[in-house]
Amino acid sequence: MIENTPVNPNSWVGKIACQYVHSNLRLDTTQVKTSVNSYVYALFERGSAQIKFDNHVITAKEGDFLIFPPHIHPVPISVSPDYEAICLIVSSSFIYDSPVVRNVCQTATFSLLSDSDPIIPLPEDFRQNIRETFQMMMRHIKNTHQHTLEALQSLFGLLLADVLAVIDTLSDRNTVNPHSYHHFIEFNKLLRKNFREHHEITFYADQLNISPRYLSMVCKQISHVTVATYINRHLMLEACWLLKTTDYSIQTISEILHFADQASFSKFFKRLRGCNPLQYRRGNET
């Protein structure tokens, strides 16, 4: 008989942080133990900031919402004197604790994020919803109780629901052929179920009864992200999850993710992450 393990009500500590930042108060990443493996969400309330990540530099301003997944590390390089934002850092482990949230998080993140421009201009109603959710998170983090974990999980789920609503209204849906948009949504559903086993665009195009070229065009037109990028992001997050939450060997993980061999998996991982799988597991990222 398997006994249920009690949930530690403080298990959220070190996994989620929400805070105001401004020109004289930078983001405190020490509140999250594994900030390098975390999602970062930011709502810009006033002013502007230049942010560098990978080989890109972007400028975010009032009303912008930014999402950075774990494999992208944003660094502010300059801010205006009136700069003010609300930032949320959520570690991957907080998300991995709930498989349902993990799947929604991937959809809500990947469907909006462009490799070179992760900025989402928000209409005021969405901006207000996200602001209120962030403020409730901050209150629950400050005034903890026995059910803070459940409250923060629910609030994070609410945030993701609002992000998915943004997808429906801001992803060029009104300017894209409804048939194409349907294929885009169905591709995302197929990808979540099949990314471990199928890494090729031809599989998803065949399942949708469309050509690979058409699927590529639809993804680029709606999300500004390639099919290969979608697939690679899912594989990378799943690889990170397996490396951090299981004791599977690198060989076993490469088999789970259907790479030709361990060497192919390690090469893929290092190209996207900048370190090999063993370095990542040991926390020795460069």
C-alpha atoms as a PDB file:
ATOM      1  CA  MET A   1       0.000   0.000   0.000  1.00  0.00           C
ATOM      2  CA  ILE A   2       1.371   3.434  -0.999  1.00  0.00           C
ATOM      3  CA  GLU A   3       0.989   6.134   1.624  1.00  0.00           C
ATOM      4  CA  ASN A   4       0.394   9.713   0.608  1.00  0.00           C
ATOM      5  CA  THR A   5       3.294  11.959   1.510  1.00  0.00           C
ATOM      6  CA  PRO A   6       2.143  15.105   3.358  1.00  0.00           C
ATOM      7  CA  VAL A   7       2.701  18.303   1.404  1.00  0.00           C
ATOM      8  CA  ASN A   8       5.036  20.726   3.157  1.00  0.00           C
ATOM      9  CA  PRO A   9       3.089  24.014   3.396  1.00  0.00           C
ATOM     10  CA  ASN A  10       6.388  25.909   3.137  1.00  0.00           C
ATOM     11  CA  SER A  11       7.585  24.041   0.050  1.00  0.00           C
ATOM     12  CA  TRP A  12       7.008  27.195  -2.019  1.00  0.00           C
ATOM     13  CA  VAL A  13       9.769  29.083  -0.158  1.00  0.00           C
ATOM     14  CA  GLY A  14      12.721  29.721  -2.443  1.00  0.00           C
ATOM     15  CA  LYS A  15      10.665  28.784  -5.517  1.00  0.00           C
ATOM     16  CA  ILE A  16       8.552  31.889  -6.187  1.00  0.00           C
ATOM     17  CA  ALA A  17       9.069  35.597  -5.618  1.00  0.00           C
ATOM     18  CA  CYS A  18       7.079  38.648  -6.685  1.00  0.00           C
ATOM     19  CA  GLN A  19       8.276  42.194  -6.145  1.00  0.00           C
ATOM     20  CA  TYR A  20       8.211  45.793  -7.337  1.00  0.00           C
ATOM     21  CA  VAL A  21      11.395  47.055  -8.954  1.00  0.00           C
ATOM     22  CA  HIS A  22      12.350  50.592  -9.990  1.00  0.00           C
ATOM     23  CA  SER A  23      15.371  52.636 -10.987  1.00  0.00           C
ATOM     24  CA  ASN A  24      16.795  52.497  -7.444  1.00  0.00           C
ATOM     25  CA  LEU A  25      15.691  48.958  -6.585  1.00  0.00           C
ATOM     26  CA  ARG A  26      16.778  46.104  -8.814  1.00  0.00           C
ATOM     27  CA  LEU A  27      15.291  42.622  -8.908  1.00  0.00           C
ATOM     28  CA  ASP A  28      16.372  40.474  -5.962  1.00  0.00           C
ATOM     29  CA  THR A  29      16.956  37.053  -7.522  1.00  0.00           C
ATOM     30  CA  THR A  30      18.270  35.602  -4.247  1.00  0.00           C
ATOM     31  CA  GLN A  31      14.687  35.020  -3.100  1.00  0.00           C
ATOM     32  CA  VAL A  32      14.518  32.125  -5.556  1.00  0.00           C
ATOM     33  CA  LYS A  33      17.204  29.506  -4.956  1.00  0.00           C
ATOM     34  CA  THR A  34      17.445  28.432  -8.595  1.00  0.00           C
ATOM     35  CA  SER A  35      16.771  31.687 -10.428  1.00  0.00           C
ATOM     36  CA  VAL A  36      18.876  30.525 -13.371  1.00  0.00           C
ATOM     37  CA  ASN A  37      16.302  27.763 -13.930  1.00  0.00           C
ATOM     38  CA  SER A  38      13.280  29.992 -13.525  1.00  0.00           C
ATOM     39  CA  TYR A  39      10.617  31.699 -15.562  1.00  0.00           C
ATOM     40  CA  VAL A  40      10.619  35.492 -15.326  1.00  0.00           C
ATOM     41  CA  TYR A  41       7.472  37.547 -15.900  1.00  0.00           C
ATOM     42  CA  ALA A  42       7.536  41.360 -15.844  1.00  0.00           C
ATOM     43  CA  LEU A  43       4.789  43.961 -16.103  1.00  0.00           C
ATOM     44  CA  PHE A  44       6.124  47.426 -16.946  1.00  0.00           C
ATOM     45  CA  GLU A  45       4.170  50.095 -15.092  1.00  0.00           C
ATOM     46  CA  ARG A  46       6.194  53.233 -15.848  1.00  0.00           C
ATOM     47  CA  GLY A  47       9.241  54.355 -17.790  1.00  0.00           C
ATOM     48  CA  SER A  48      11.405  52.073 -19.883  1.00  0.00           C
ATOM     49  CA  ALA A  49      14.353  49.697 -19.688  1.00  0.00           C
ATOM     50  CA  GLN A  50      16.881  48.211 -22.061  1.00  0.00           C
ATOM     51  CA  ILE A  51      17.277  44.480 -21.498  1.00  0.00           C
ATOM     52  CA  LYS A  52      19.928  42.173 -22.903  1.00  0.00           C
ATOM     53  CA  PHE A  53      19.495  38.427 -23.395  1.00  0.00           C
ATOM     54  CA  ASP A  54      21.459  36.050 -25.577  1.00  0.00           C
ATOM     55  CA  ASN A  55      22.556  38.226 -28.525  1.00  0.00           C
ATOM     56  CA  HIS A  56      19.565  40.564 -28.387  1.00  0.00           C
ATOM     57  CA  VAL A  57      18.861  43.948 -26.807  1.00  0.00           C
ATOM     58  CA  ILE A  58      15.242  45.069 -26.423  1.00  0.00           C
ATOM     59  CA  THR A  59      13.511  48.133 -24.987  1.00  0.00           C
ATOM     60  CA  ALA A  60      10.422  47.600 -22.837  1.00  0.00           C
ATOM     61  CA  LYS A  61       8.101  50.430 -21.852  1.00  0.00           C
ATOM     62  CA  GLU A  62       4.910  51.177 -19.912  1.00  0.00           C
ATOM     63  CA  GLY A  63       2.174  48.652 -20.656  1.00  0.00           C
ATOM     64  CA  ASP A  64       4.546  45.910 -21.868  1.00  0.00           C
ATOM     65  CA  PHE A  65       4.515  42.392 -20.472  1.00  0.00           C
ATOM     66  CA  LEU A  66       7.599  40.193 -20.815  1.00  0.00           C
ATOM     67  CA  ILE A  67       8.007  36.434 -20.475  1.00  0.00           C
ATOM     68  CA  PHE A  68      11.391  34.724 -20.293  1.00  0.00           C
ATOM     69  CA  PRO A  69      11.590  30.909 -20.044  1.00  0.00           C
ATOM     70  CA  PRO A  70      14.449  29.194 -18.148  1.00  0.00           C
ATOM     71  CA  HIS A  71      16.869  28.946 -21.052  1.00  0.00           C
ATOM     72  CA  ILE A  72      16.842  32.732 -21.595  1.00  0.00           C
ATOM     73  CA  HIS A  73      18.566  34.941 -19.001  1.00  0.00           C
ATOM     74  CA  PRO A  74      17.551  38.659 -19.155  1.00  0.00           C
ATOM     75  CA  VAL A  75      19.900  41.328 -17.802  1.00  0.00           C
ATOM     76  CA  PRO A  76      18.846  45.023 -17.495  1.00  0.00           C
ATOM     77  CA  ILE A  77      21.555  47.248 -18.956  1.00  0.00           C
ATOM     78  CA  SER A  78      19.866  50.658 -18.540  1.00  0.00           C
ATOM     79  CA  VAL A  79      16.625  52.039 -17.093  1.00  0.00           C
ATOM     80  CA  SER A  80      14.884  55.408 -17.223  1.00  0.00           C
ATOM     81  CA  PRO A  81      14.664  57.477 -13.995  1.00  0.00           C
ATOM     82  CA  ASP A  82      10.904  56.819 -13.744  1.00  0.00           C
ATOM     83  CA  TYR A  83      11.204  53.076 -14.451  1.00  0.00           C
ATOM     84  CA  GLU A  84       8.884  50.865 -12.406  1.00  0.00           C
ATOM     85  CA  ALA A  85       7.816  47.258 -12.954  1.00  0.00           C
ATOM     86  CA  ILE A  86       6.399  44.255 -11.143  1.00  0.00           C
ATOM     87  CA  CYS A  87       8.444  41.092 -11.579  1.00  0.00           C
ATOM     88  CA  LEU A  88       7.577  37.484 -10.864  1.00  0.00           C
ATOM     89  CA  ILE A  89      10.214  34.748 -10.696  1.00  0.00           C
ATOM     90  CA  VAL A  90       8.929  31.175 -10.672  1.00  0.00           C
ATOM     91  CA  SER A  91      11.382  28.301 -10.447  1.00  0.00           C
ATOM     92  CA  SER A  92      10.923  25.311 -12.700  1.00  0.00           C
ATOM     93  CA  SER A  93      10.500  23.083  -9.650  1.00  0.00           C
ATOM     94  CA  PHE A  94       7.434  25.078  -8.521  1.00  0.00           C
ATOM     95  CA  ILE A  95       5.884  24.372 -11.919  1.00  0.00           C
ATOM     96  CA  TYR A  96       7.038  20.738 -12.055  1.00  0.00           C
ATOM     97  CA  ASP A  97       5.123  20.028  -8.833  1.00  0.00           C
ATOM     98  CA  SER A  98       1.918  20.306 -10.871  1.00  0.00           C
ATOM     99  CA  PRO A  99       1.947  18.563 -14.298  1.00  0.00           C
ATOM    100  CA  VAL A 100      -1.224  20.370 -15.352  1.00  0.00           C
ATOM    101  CA  VAL A 101       0.316  23.761 -14.589  1.00  0.00           C
ATOM    102  CA  ARG A 102       3.496  22.672 -16.377  1.00  0.00           C
ATOM    103  CA  ASN A 103       1.610  21.934 -19.608  1.00  0.00           C
ATOM    104  CA  VAL A 104      -0.354  25.188 -19.444  1.00  0.00           C
ATOM    105  CA  CYS A 105       2.811  27.107 -18.616  1.00  0.00           C
ATOM    106  CA  GLN A 106       4.556  25.780 -21.713  1.00  0.00           C
ATOM    107  CA  THR A 107       1.599  26.730 -23.903  1.00  0.00           C
ATOM    108  CA  ALA A 108       1.205  30.166 -22.344  1.00  0.00           C
ATOM    109  CA  THR A 109       4.930  30.865 -22.652  1.00  0.00           C
ATOM    110  CA  PHE A 110       5.794  29.408 -26.030  1.00  0.00           C
ATOM    111  CA  SER A 111       2.762  30.611 -27.958  1.00  0.00           C
ATOM    112  CA  LEU A 112       3.619  34.248 -27.292  1.00  0.00           C
ATOM    113  CA  LEU A 113       7.373  34.292 -27.081  1.00  0.00           C
ATOM    114  CA  SER A 114       9.577  35.309 -29.961  1.00  0.00           C
ATOM    115  CA  ASP A 115      13.273  34.430 -29.722  1.00  0.00           C
ATOM    116  CA  SER A 116      14.282  38.024 -30.440  1.00  0.00           C
ATOM    117  CA  ASP A 117      11.314  39.933 -28.994  1.00  0.00           C
ATOM    118  CA  PRO A 118       9.553  38.590 -25.881  1.00  0.00           C
ATOM    119  CA  ILE A 119       7.548  41.819 -25.422  1.00  0.00           C
ATOM    120  CA  ILE A 120       3.750  41.643 -25.333  1.00  0.00           C
ATOM    121  CA  PRO A 121       1.934  45.009 -25.399  1.00  0.00           C
ATOM    122  CA  LEU A 122      -1.065  44.593 -23.094  1.00  0.00           C
ATOM    123  CA  PRO A 123      -4.482  46.199 -23.432  1.00  0.00           C
ATOM    124  CA  GLU A 124      -5.434  47.958 -20.207  1.00  0.00           C
ATOM    125  CA  ASP A 125      -7.940  45.291 -19.095  1.00  0.00           C
ATOM    126  CA  PHE A 126      -5.333  42.510 -19.275  1.00  0.00           C
ATOM    127  CA  ARG A 127      -2.796  44.809 -17.668  1.00  0.00           C
ATOM    128  CA  GLN A 128      -5.131  45.417 -14.745  1.00  0.00           C
ATOM    129  CA  ASN A 129      -5.845  41.679 -14.309  1.00  0.00           C
ATOM    130  CA  ILE A 130      -2.154  40.778 -14.240  1.00  0.00           C
ATOM    131  CA  ARG A 131      -1.339  43.679 -11.904  1.00  0.00           C
ATOM    132  CA  GLU A 132      -3.984  42.508  -9.430  1.00  0.00           C
ATOM    133  CA  THR A 133      -2.742  38.897  -9.594  1.00  0.00           C
ATOM    134  CA  PHE A 134       0.833  40.027  -8.916  1.00  0.00           C
ATOM    135  CA  GLN A 135      -0.338  42.147  -5.981  1.00  0.00           C
ATOM    136  CA  MET A 136      -2.243  39.215  -4.478  1.00  0.00           C
ATOM    137  CA  MET A 137       0.868  37.045  -4.845  1.00  0.00           C
ATOM    138  CA  MET A 138       2.936  39.619  -2.993  1.00  0.00           C
ATOM    139  CA  ARG A 139       0.404  39.768  -0.158  1.00  0.00           C
ATOM    140  CA  HIS A 140       0.340  35.979   0.214  1.00  0.00           C
ATOM    141  CA  ILE A 141       4.139  35.791   0.182  1.00  0.00           C
ATOM    142  CA  LYS A 142       4.330  38.491   2.873  1.00  0.00           C
ATOM    143  CA  ASN A 143       1.444  37.223   5.040  1.00  0.00           C
ATOM    144  CA  THR A 144       1.950  33.461   5.029  1.00  0.00           C
ATOM    145  CA  HIS A 145      -0.409  30.861   6.458  1.00  0.00           C
ATOM    146  CA  GLN A 146      -0.955  27.094   6.381  1.00  0.00           C
ATOM    147  CA  HIS A 147      -2.348  27.214   2.846  1.00  0.00           C
ATOM    148  CA  THR A 148       0.025  29.704   1.209  1.00  0.00           C
ATOM    149  CA  LEU A 149       1.295  27.044  -1.202  1.00  0.00           C
ATOM    150  CA  GLU A 150      -2.199  26.312  -2.509  1.00  0.00           C
ATOM    151  CA  ALA A 151      -2.962  30.040  -2.755  1.00  0.00           C
ATOM    152  CA  LEU A 152       0.193  30.743  -4.779  1.00  0.00           C
ATOM    153  CA  GLN A 153      -0.433  27.770  -7.067  1.00  0.00           C
ATOM    154  CA  SER A 154      -3.967  29.024  -7.711  1.00  0.00           C
ATOM    155  CA  LEU A 155      -2.787  32.563  -8.368  1.00  0.00           C
ATOM    156  CA  PHE A 156      -0.098  31.346 -10.739  1.00  0.00           C
ATOM    157  CA  GLY A 157      -2.749  29.326 -12.569  1.00  0.00           C
ATOM    158  CA  LEU A 158      -4.876  32.479 -12.784  1.00  0.00           C
ATOM    159  CA  LEU A 159      -1.931  34.354 -14.291  1.00  0.00           C
ATOM    160  CA  LEU A 160      -1.469  31.641 -16.921  1.00  0.00           C
ATOM    161  CA  ALA A 161      -5.177  31.742 -17.758  1.00  0.00           C
ATOM    162  CA  ASP A 162      -4.920  35.475 -18.415  1.00  0.00           C
ATOM    163  CA  VAL A 163      -1.819  34.922 -20.559  1.00  0.00           C
ATOM    164  CA  LEU A 164      -3.723  32.335 -22.601  1.00  0.00           C
ATOM    165  CA  ALA A 165      -6.499  34.890 -23.012  1.00  0.00           C
ATOM    166  CA  VAL A 166      -3.894  37.295 -24.375  1.00  0.00           C
ATOM    167  CA  ILE A 167      -2.904  34.616 -26.884  1.00  0.00           C
ATOM    168  CA  ASP A 168      -6.476  34.499 -28.172  1.00  0.00           C
ATOM    169  CA  THR A 169      -6.691  38.259 -28.651  1.00  0.00           C
ATOM    170  CA  LEU A 170      -3.184  39.378 -29.569  1.00  0.00           C
ATOM    171  CA  SER A 171      -1.787  36.575 -31.725  1.00  0.00           C
ATOM    172  CA  ASP A 172      -2.966  38.116 -35.009  1.00  0.00           C
ATOM    173  CA  ARG A 173      -6.044  35.948 -34.826  1.00  0.00           C
ATOM    174  CA  ASN A 174      -8.158  38.640 -36.465  1.00  0.00           C
ATOM    175  CA  THR A 175      -5.791  38.981 -39.415  1.00  0.00           C
ATOM    176  CA  VAL A 176      -5.145  35.267 -39.935  1.00  0.00           C
ATOM    177  CA  ASN A 177      -7.361  32.923 -41.867  1.00  0.00           C
ATOM    178  CA  PRO A 178      -9.507  31.060 -39.262  1.00  0.00           C
ATOM    179  CA  HIS A 179      -8.531  27.764 -40.890  1.00  0.00           C
ATOM    180  CA  SER A 180      -4.843  28.584 -40.389  1.00  0.00           C
ATOM    181  CA  TYR A 181      -5.431  29.583 -36.777  1.00  0.00           C
ATOM    182  CA  HIS A 182      -7.209  26.274 -36.193  1.00  0.00           C
ATOM    183  CA  HIS A 183      -4.151  24.426 -37.520  1.00  0.00           C
ATOM    184  CA  PHE A 184      -1.896  26.461 -35.226  1.00  0.00           C
ATOM    185  CA  ILE A 185      -3.944  25.503 -32.156  1.00  0.00           C
ATOM    186  CA  GLU A 186      -4.115  21.848 -33.194  1.00  0.00           C
ATOM    187  CA  PHE A 187      -0.354  21.798 -33.777  1.00  0.00           C
ATOM    188  CA  ASN A 188       0.213  23.003 -30.204  1.00  0.00           C
ATOM    189  CA  LYS A 189      -2.064  20.264 -28.872  1.00  0.00           C
ATOM    190  CA  LEU A 190      -0.262  17.594 -30.895  1.00  0.00           C
ATOM    191  CA  LEU A 191       3.124  18.911 -29.824  1.00  0.00           C
ATOM    192  CA  ARG A 192       2.351  18.668 -26.102  1.00  0.00           C
ATOM    193  CA  LYS A 193       1.400  15.005 -26.548  1.00  0.00           C
ATOM    194  CA  ASN A 194       4.109  13.908 -28.982  1.00  0.00           C
ATOM    195  CA  PHE A 195       7.242  16.047 -28.604  1.00  0.00           C
ATOM    196  CA  ARG A 196       9.174  13.315 -26.787  1.00  0.00           C
ATOM    197  CA  GLU A 197       8.815  10.826 -29.616  1.00  0.00           C
ATOM    198  CA  HIS A 198       8.559  13.068 -32.678  1.00  0.00           C
ATOM    199  CA  HIS A 199      11.041  15.846 -33.395  1.00  0.00           C
ATOM    200  CA  GLU A 200      10.335  16.347 -37.099  1.00  0.00           C
ATOM    201  CA  ILE A 201       7.936  18.843 -38.645  1.00  0.00           C
ATOM    202  CA  THR A 202       6.753  16.197 -41.143  1.00  0.00           C
ATOM    203  CA  PHE A 203       5.065  14.176 -38.373  1.00  0.00           C
ATOM    204  CA  TYR A 204       2.935  17.117 -37.211  1.00  0.00           C
ATOM    205  CA  ALA A 205       2.127  18.224 -40.756  1.00  0.00           C
ATOM    206  CA  ASP A 206       1.038  14.682 -41.667  1.00  0.00           C
ATOM    207  CA  GLN A 207      -1.173  14.453 -38.581  1.00  0.00           C
ATOM    208  CA  LEU A 208      -2.855  17.703 -39.575  1.00  0.00           C
ATOM    209  CA  ASN A 209      -3.106  16.692 -43.252  1.00  0.00           C
ATOM    210  CA  ILE A 210      -1.185  19.766 -44.367  1.00  0.00           C
ATOM    211  CA  SER A 211       2.245  20.278 -45.901  1.00  0.00           C
ATOM    212  CA  PRO A 212       5.319  21.011 -43.752  1.00  0.00           C
ATOM    213  CA  ARG A 213       5.763  24.250 -45.665  1.00  0.00           C
ATOM    214  CA  TYR A 214       2.227  25.369 -44.822  1.00  0.00           C
ATOM    215  CA  LEU A 215       2.657  24.481 -41.132  1.00  0.00           C
ATOM    216  CA  SER A 216       5.896  26.477 -41.039  1.00  0.00           C
ATOM    217  CA  MET A 217       4.187  29.461 -42.621  1.00  0.00           C
ATOM    218  CA  VAL A 218       1.281  29.317 -40.154  1.00  0.00           C
ATOM    219  CA  CYS A 219       3.575  29.173 -37.095  1.00  0.00           C
ATOM    220  CA  LYS A 220       5.754  32.029 -38.298  1.00  0.00           C
ATOM    221  CA  GLN A 221       2.765  34.177 -39.249  1.00  0.00           C
ATOM    222  CA  ILE A 222       0.897  33.732 -35.962  1.00  0.00           C
ATOM    223  CA  SER A 223       3.639  33.369 -33.363  1.00  0.00           C
ATOM    224  CA  HIS A 224       6.785  34.582 -35.191  1.00  0.00           C
ATOM    225  CA  VAL A 225       8.452  31.372 -33.963  1.00  0.00           C
ATOM    226  CA  THR A 226       9.535  28.433 -36.117  1.00  0.00           C
ATOM    227  CA  VAL A 227       8.208  24.903 -35.712  1.00  0.00           C
ATOM    228  CA  ALA A 228      11.717  23.719 -34.840  1.00  0.00           C
ATOM    229  CA  THR A 229      11.927  26.301 -32.044  1.00  0.00           C
ATOM    230  CA  TYR A 230       8.636  25.083 -30.583  1.00  0.00           C
ATOM    231  CA  ILE A 231       9.834  21.483 -30.611  1.00  0.00           C
ATOM    232  CA  ASN A 232      13.264  22.316 -29.191  1.00  0.00           C
ATOM    233  CA  ARG A 233      11.820  24.348 -26.323  1.00  0.00           C
ATOM    234  CA  HIS A 234       9.586  21.493 -25.246  1.00  0.00           C
ATOM    235  CA  LEU A 235      12.462  19.031 -25.461  1.00  0.00           C
ATOM    236  CA  MET A 236      14.775  21.315 -23.503  1.00  0.00           C
ATOM    237  CA  LEU A 237      12.337  21.906 -20.649  1.00  0.00           C
ATOM    238  CA  GLU A 238      11.534  18.209 -20.444  1.00  0.00           C
ATOM    239  CA  ALA A 239      15.242  17.369 -20.428  1.00  0.00           C
ATOM    240  CA  CYS A 240      15.871  19.887 -17.626  1.00  0.00           C
ATOM    241  CA  TRP A 241      12.955  18.469 -15.646  1.00  0.00           C
ATOM    242  CA  LEU A 242      14.217  14.889 -15.993  1.00  0.00           C
ATOM    243  CA  LEU A 243      17.763  15.889 -15.076  1.00  0.00           C
ATOM    244  CA  LYS A 244      16.684  17.785 -11.961  1.00  0.00           C
ATOM    245  CA  THR A 245      13.827  15.621 -10.661  1.00  0.00           C
ATOM    246  CA  THR A 246      14.929  12.061 -11.462  1.00  0.00           C
ATOM    247  CA  ASP A 247      18.050   9.945 -11.076  1.00  0.00           C
ATOM    248  CA  TYR A 248      17.808   8.620 -14.637  1.00  0.00           C
ATOM    249  CA  SER A 249      21.146   8.310 -16.399  1.00  0.00           C
ATOM    250  CA  ILE A 250      21.936  10.656 -19.291  1.00  0.00           C
ATOM    251  CA  GLN A 251      21.640   7.642 -21.590  1.00  0.00           C
ATOM    252  CA  THR A 252      18.162   6.827 -20.257  1.00  0.00           C
ATOM    253  CA  ILE A 253      16.999  10.419 -20.670  1.00  0.00           C
ATOM    254  CA  SER A 254      18.273  10.490 -24.230  1.00  0.00           C
ATOM    255  CA  GLU A 255      16.222   7.342 -24.881  1.00  0.00           C
ATOM    256  CA  ILE A 256      13.109   8.776 -23.203  1.00  0.00           C
ATOM    257  CA  LEU A 257      13.370  11.810 -25.465  1.00  0.00           C
ATOM    258  CA  HIS A 258      14.061   9.614 -28.503  1.00  0.00           C
ATOM    259  CA  PHE A 259      17.460  10.963 -29.490  1.00  0.00           C
ATOM    260  CA  ALA A 260      19.562   8.714 -31.695  1.00  0.00           C
ATOM    261  CA  ASP A 261      22.122   8.277 -28.914  1.00  0.00           C
ATOM    262  CA  GLN A 262      23.541   9.949 -25.826  1.00  0.00           C
ATOM    263  CA  ALA A 263      26.044  11.948 -27.858  1.00  0.00           C
ATOM    264  CA  SER A 264      23.274  13.477 -29.998  1.00  0.00           C
ATOM    265  CA  PHE A 265      21.294  14.420 -26.900  1.00  0.00           C
ATOM    266  CA  SER A 266      24.337  15.968 -25.197  1.00  0.00           C
ATOM    267  CA  LYS A 267      25.181  17.969 -28.328  1.00  0.00           C
ATOM    268  CA  PHE A 268      21.582  19.233 -28.548  1.00  0.00           C
ATOM    269  CA  PHE A 269      21.527  20.142 -24.847  1.00  0.00           C
ATOM    270  CA  LYS A 270      24.832  22.016 -24.945  1.00  0.00           C
ATOM    271  CA  ARG A 271      23.833  23.943 -28.069  1.00  0.00           C
ATOM    272  CA  LEU A 272      20.664  25.259 -26.431  1.00  0.00           C
ATOM    273  CA  ARG A 273      21.753  25.452 -22.797  1.00  0.00           C
ATOM    274  CA  GLY A 274      25.461  26.226 -23.002  1.00  0.00           C
ATOM    275  CA  CYS A 275      26.531  23.304 -20.807  1.00  0.00           C
ATOM    276  CA  ASN A 276      26.328  19.534 -21.032  1.00  0.00           C
ATOM    277  CA  PRO A 277      23.578  17.552 -19.236  1.00  0.00           C
ATOM    278  CA  LEU A 278      25.859  16.381 -16.430  1.00  0.00           C
ATOM    279  CA  GLN A 279      27.034  19.935 -15.697  1.00  0.00           C
ATOM    280  CA  TYR A 280      23.415  21.067 -15.572  1.00  0.00           C
ATOM    281  CA  ARG A 281      22.424  18.253 -13.193  1.00  0.00           C
ATOM    282  CA  ARG A 282      25.295  19.144 -10.841  1.00  0.00           C
ATOM    283  CA  GLY A 283      24.484  22.846 -11.014  1.00  0.00           C
ATOM    284  CA  ASN A 284      27.766  23.664 -12.750  1.00  0.00           C
ATOM    285  CA  GLU A 285      26.352  25.725 -15.601  1.00  0.00           C
ATOM    286  CA  THR A 286      28.752  28.075 -17.299  1.00  0.00           C
END
